[in-house]
């Protein structure tokens, strides 16, 4: 993704628009966003960015968790909810108990890595 941005971003808008017309190959990726059903004051506030592997990244916010994969290593469960370069955006909504469990799982993965 970084290589793609380095090759295709420009400081000047005119050059950026001109180069956007000739981009024909976009990097492959999977993006999965999970959101809590309820956002209450009881939620612990966790903000984190974490590289899980060479091609897997995780961004954790209070309002959602974002999984980003730059290859095909996405978990088969997350793949069902992946926004893999299409126009449809899928955002699974987690009940409170599963949201807390997911946050605990992420925290344990980060601490054990």
C-alpha atoms as a PDB file:
ATOM      1  CA  UNK A   1       0.000   0.000   0.000  1.00  0.00           C
ATOM      2  CA  UNK A   2       2.837   2.356   0.892  1.00  0.00           C
ATOM      3  CA  UNK A   3       4.524   1.680  -2.462  1.00  0.00           C
ATOM      4  CA  UNK A   4       1.260   2.341  -4.296  1.00  0.00           C
ATOM      5  CA  UNK A   5       0.792   5.658  -2.482  1.00  0.00           C
ATOM      6  CA  UNK A   6       4.408   6.688  -3.059  1.00  0.00           C
ATOM      7  CA  UNK A   7       4.042   6.032  -6.786  1.00  0.00           C
ATOM      8  CA  UNK A   8       0.659   7.684  -7.219  1.00  0.00           C
ATOM      9  CA  UNK A   9       0.372  10.578  -4.781  1.00  0.00           C
ATOM     10  CA  UNK A  10       1.495  14.025  -5.766  1.00  0.00           C
ATOM     11  CA  UNK A  11       1.914  17.361  -4.016  1.00  0.00           C
ATOM     12  CA  UNK A  12       0.046  19.214  -6.761  1.00  0.00           C
ATOM     13  CA  UNK A  13      -3.625  18.540  -7.435  1.00  0.00           C
ATOM     14  CA  UNK A  14      -3.222  18.921 -11.210  1.00  0.00           C
ATOM     15  CA  UNK A  15      -0.540  16.203 -11.339  1.00  0.00           C
ATOM     16  CA  UNK A  16      -2.544  13.978  -8.975  1.00  0.00           C
ATOM     17  CA  UNK A  17      -5.663  14.175 -11.164  1.00  0.00           C
ATOM     18  CA  UNK A  18      -3.654  13.505 -14.308  1.00  0.00           C
ATOM     19  CA  UNK A  19      -1.949  10.458 -12.784  1.00  0.00           C
ATOM     20  CA  UNK A  20      -5.288   9.151 -11.429  1.00  0.00           C
ATOM     21  CA  UNK A  21      -6.481   8.769 -15.024  1.00  0.00           C
ATOM     22  CA  UNK A  22      -3.719   6.270 -15.848  1.00  0.00           C
ATOM     23  CA  UNK A  23      -3.762   4.120 -12.688  1.00  0.00           C
ATOM     24  CA  UNK A  24      -4.901   0.701 -13.832  1.00  0.00           C
ATOM     25  CA  UNK A  25      -3.603  -1.613 -11.141  1.00  0.00           C
ATOM     26  CA  UNK A  26      -4.613  -1.205  -7.528  1.00  0.00           C
ATOM     27  CA  UNK A  27      -3.046  -3.190  -4.706  1.00  0.00           C
ATOM     28  CA  UNK A  28      -5.054  -6.092  -3.375  1.00  0.00           C
ATOM     29  CA  UNK A  29      -6.395  -5.767   0.132  1.00  0.00           C
ATOM     30  CA  UNK A  30      -9.076  -6.859   2.576  1.00  0.00           C
ATOM     31  CA  UNK A  31     -10.622  -4.426   5.013  1.00  0.00           C
ATOM     32  CA  UNK A  32     -12.927  -5.459   7.823  1.00  0.00           C
ATOM     33  CA  UNK A  33     -14.629  -3.037  10.227  1.00  0.00           C
ATOM     34  CA  UNK A  34     -16.448  -4.211  13.354  1.00  0.00           C
ATOM     35  CA  UNK A  35     -18.587  -1.845  15.409  1.00  0.00           C
ATOM     36  CA  UNK A  36     -20.163  -2.221  18.866  1.00  0.00           C
ATOM     37  CA  UNK A  37     -23.935  -2.341  19.076  1.00  0.00           C
ATOM     38  CA  UNK A  38     -24.029   0.088  21.979  1.00  0.00           C
ATOM     39  CA  UNK A  39     -21.525   2.756  22.827  1.00  0.00           C
ATOM     40  CA  UNK A  40     -21.891   3.587  26.493  1.00  0.00           C
ATOM     41  CA  UNK A  41     -19.729   5.220  29.119  1.00  0.00           C
ATOM     42  CA  UNK A  42     -18.984   1.743  30.494  1.00  0.00           C
ATOM     43  CA  UNK A  43     -16.733   0.987  27.526  1.00  0.00           C
ATOM     44  CA  UNK A  44     -13.047   1.099  28.254  1.00  0.00           C
ATOM     45  CA  UNK A  45     -11.323   3.531  25.929  1.00  0.00           C
ATOM     46  CA  UNK A  46      -8.692   1.671  23.924  1.00  0.00           C
ATOM     47  CA  UNK A  47      -6.866   3.268  21.016  1.00  0.00           C
ATOM     48  CA  UNK A  48      -4.161   1.265  19.343  1.00  0.00           C
ATOM     49  CA  UNK A  49      -2.437   0.512  16.068  1.00  0.00           C
ATOM     50  CA  UNK A  50      -0.830  -2.883  15.778  1.00  0.00           C
ATOM     51  CA  UNK A  51       0.960  -4.783  13.016  1.00  0.00           C
ATOM     52  CA  UNK A  52      -0.075  -8.405  13.529  1.00  0.00           C
ATOM     53  CA  UNK A  53       2.169  -9.744  10.748  1.00  0.00           C
ATOM     54  CA  UNK A  54       4.010  -8.521   7.650  1.00  0.00           C
ATOM     55  CA  UNK A  55       0.693  -8.055   5.831  1.00  0.00           C
ATOM     56  CA  UNK A  56      -1.908  -7.699   8.608  1.00  0.00           C
ATOM     57  CA  UNK A  57      -2.687  -4.519  10.511  1.00  0.00           C
ATOM     58  CA  UNK A  58      -5.147  -3.634  13.228  1.00  0.00           C
ATOM     59  CA  UNK A  59      -6.515  -0.247  14.278  1.00  0.00           C
ATOM     60  CA  UNK A  60      -8.561  -0.174  17.473  1.00  0.00           C
ATOM     61  CA  UNK A  61     -10.792   2.778  18.297  1.00  0.00           C
ATOM     62  CA  UNK A  62     -13.591   3.293  20.798  1.00  0.00           C
ATOM     63  CA  UNK A  63     -16.231   3.233  18.045  1.00  0.00           C
ATOM     64  CA  UNK A  64     -14.854   0.470  15.819  1.00  0.00           C
ATOM     65  CA  UNK A  65     -12.055  -1.980  15.114  1.00  0.00           C
ATOM     66  CA  UNK A  66     -10.461  -2.072  11.678  1.00  0.00           C
ATOM     67  CA  UNK A  67      -8.581  -5.107  10.307  1.00  0.00           C
ATOM     68  CA  UNK A  68      -6.487  -4.461   7.187  1.00  0.00           C
ATOM     69  CA  UNK A  69      -4.735  -7.192   5.164  1.00  0.00           C
ATOM     70  CA  UNK A  70      -2.479  -6.547   2.177  1.00  0.00           C
ATOM     71  CA  UNK A  71      -2.492 -10.162   1.010  1.00  0.00           C
ATOM     72  CA  UNK A  72      -4.799 -13.180   1.211  1.00  0.00           C
ATOM     73  CA  UNK A  73      -3.930 -14.076   4.811  1.00  0.00           C
ATOM     74  CA  UNK A  74      -7.230 -12.802   6.219  1.00  0.00           C
ATOM     75  CA  UNK A  75      -8.997 -15.183   8.575  1.00  0.00           C
ATOM     76  CA  UNK A  76     -11.876 -17.064   6.922  1.00  0.00           C
ATOM     77  CA  UNK A  77     -14.356 -15.628   9.442  1.00  0.00           C
ATOM     78  CA  UNK A  78     -13.234 -12.046   8.804  1.00  0.00           C
ATOM     79  CA  UNK A  79     -13.252 -12.710   5.045  1.00  0.00           C
ATOM     80  CA  UNK A  80     -17.051 -13.042   5.238  1.00  0.00           C
ATOM     81  CA  UNK A  81     -17.201  -9.411   6.387  1.00  0.00           C
ATOM     82  CA  UNK A  82     -14.396  -8.071   4.218  1.00  0.00           C
ATOM     83  CA  UNK A  83     -14.859  -4.959   2.150  1.00  0.00           C
ATOM     84  CA  UNK A  84     -12.506  -6.347  -0.450  1.00  0.00           C
ATOM     85  CA  UNK A  85     -12.281  -3.555  -2.983  1.00  0.00           C
ATOM     86  CA  UNK A  86     -15.932  -3.408  -3.881  1.00  0.00           C
ATOM     87  CA  UNK A  87     -18.536  -0.714  -3.510  1.00  0.00           C
ATOM     88  CA  UNK A  88     -20.430  -2.497  -0.746  1.00  0.00           C
ATOM     89  CA  UNK A  89     -19.451  -1.629   2.798  1.00  0.00           C
ATOM     90  CA  UNK A  90     -20.136  -4.322   5.379  1.00  0.00           C
ATOM     91  CA  UNK A  91     -19.946  -3.325   9.038  1.00  0.00           C
ATOM     92  CA  UNK A  92     -20.859  -6.132  11.434  1.00  0.00           C
ATOM     93  CA  UNK A  93     -22.331  -4.910  14.702  1.00  0.00           C
ATOM     94  CA  UNK A  94     -21.241  -6.719  17.834  1.00  0.00           C
ATOM     95  CA  UNK A  95     -23.291  -7.051  20.997  1.00  0.00           C
ATOM     96  CA  UNK A  96     -21.657  -5.767  24.189  1.00  0.00           C
ATOM     97  CA  UNK A  97     -20.410  -9.111  25.460  1.00  0.00           C
ATOM     98  CA  UNK A  98     -18.737 -10.030  22.160  1.00  0.00           C
ATOM     99  CA  UNK A  99     -17.320  -6.504  21.815  1.00  0.00           C
ATOM    100  CA  UNK A 100     -15.626  -6.824  25.212  1.00  0.00           C
ATOM    101  CA  UNK A 101     -14.397 -10.331  24.322  1.00  0.00           C
ATOM    102  CA  UNK A 102     -12.964  -9.062  21.042  1.00  0.00           C
ATOM    103  CA  UNK A 103     -11.190  -6.219  22.832  1.00  0.00           C
ATOM    104  CA  UNK A 104      -9.761  -8.643  25.412  1.00  0.00           C
ATOM    105  CA  UNK A 105      -8.579 -10.962  22.637  1.00  0.00           C
ATOM    106  CA  UNK A 106      -6.872  -8.096  20.796  1.00  0.00           C
ATOM    107  CA  UNK A 107      -5.220  -6.869  23.980  1.00  0.00           C
ATOM    108  CA  UNK A 108      -3.891 -10.338  24.806  1.00  0.00           C
ATOM    109  CA  UNK A 109      -2.548 -10.740  21.231  1.00  0.00           C
ATOM    110  CA  UNK A 110      -0.783  -7.391  21.459  1.00  0.00           C
ATOM    111  CA  UNK A 111       0.771  -8.198  24.832  1.00  0.00           C
ATOM    112  CA  UNK A 112       1.897 -11.681  23.760  1.00  0.00           C
ATOM    113  CA  UNK A 113       3.450 -10.611  20.480  1.00  0.00           C
END
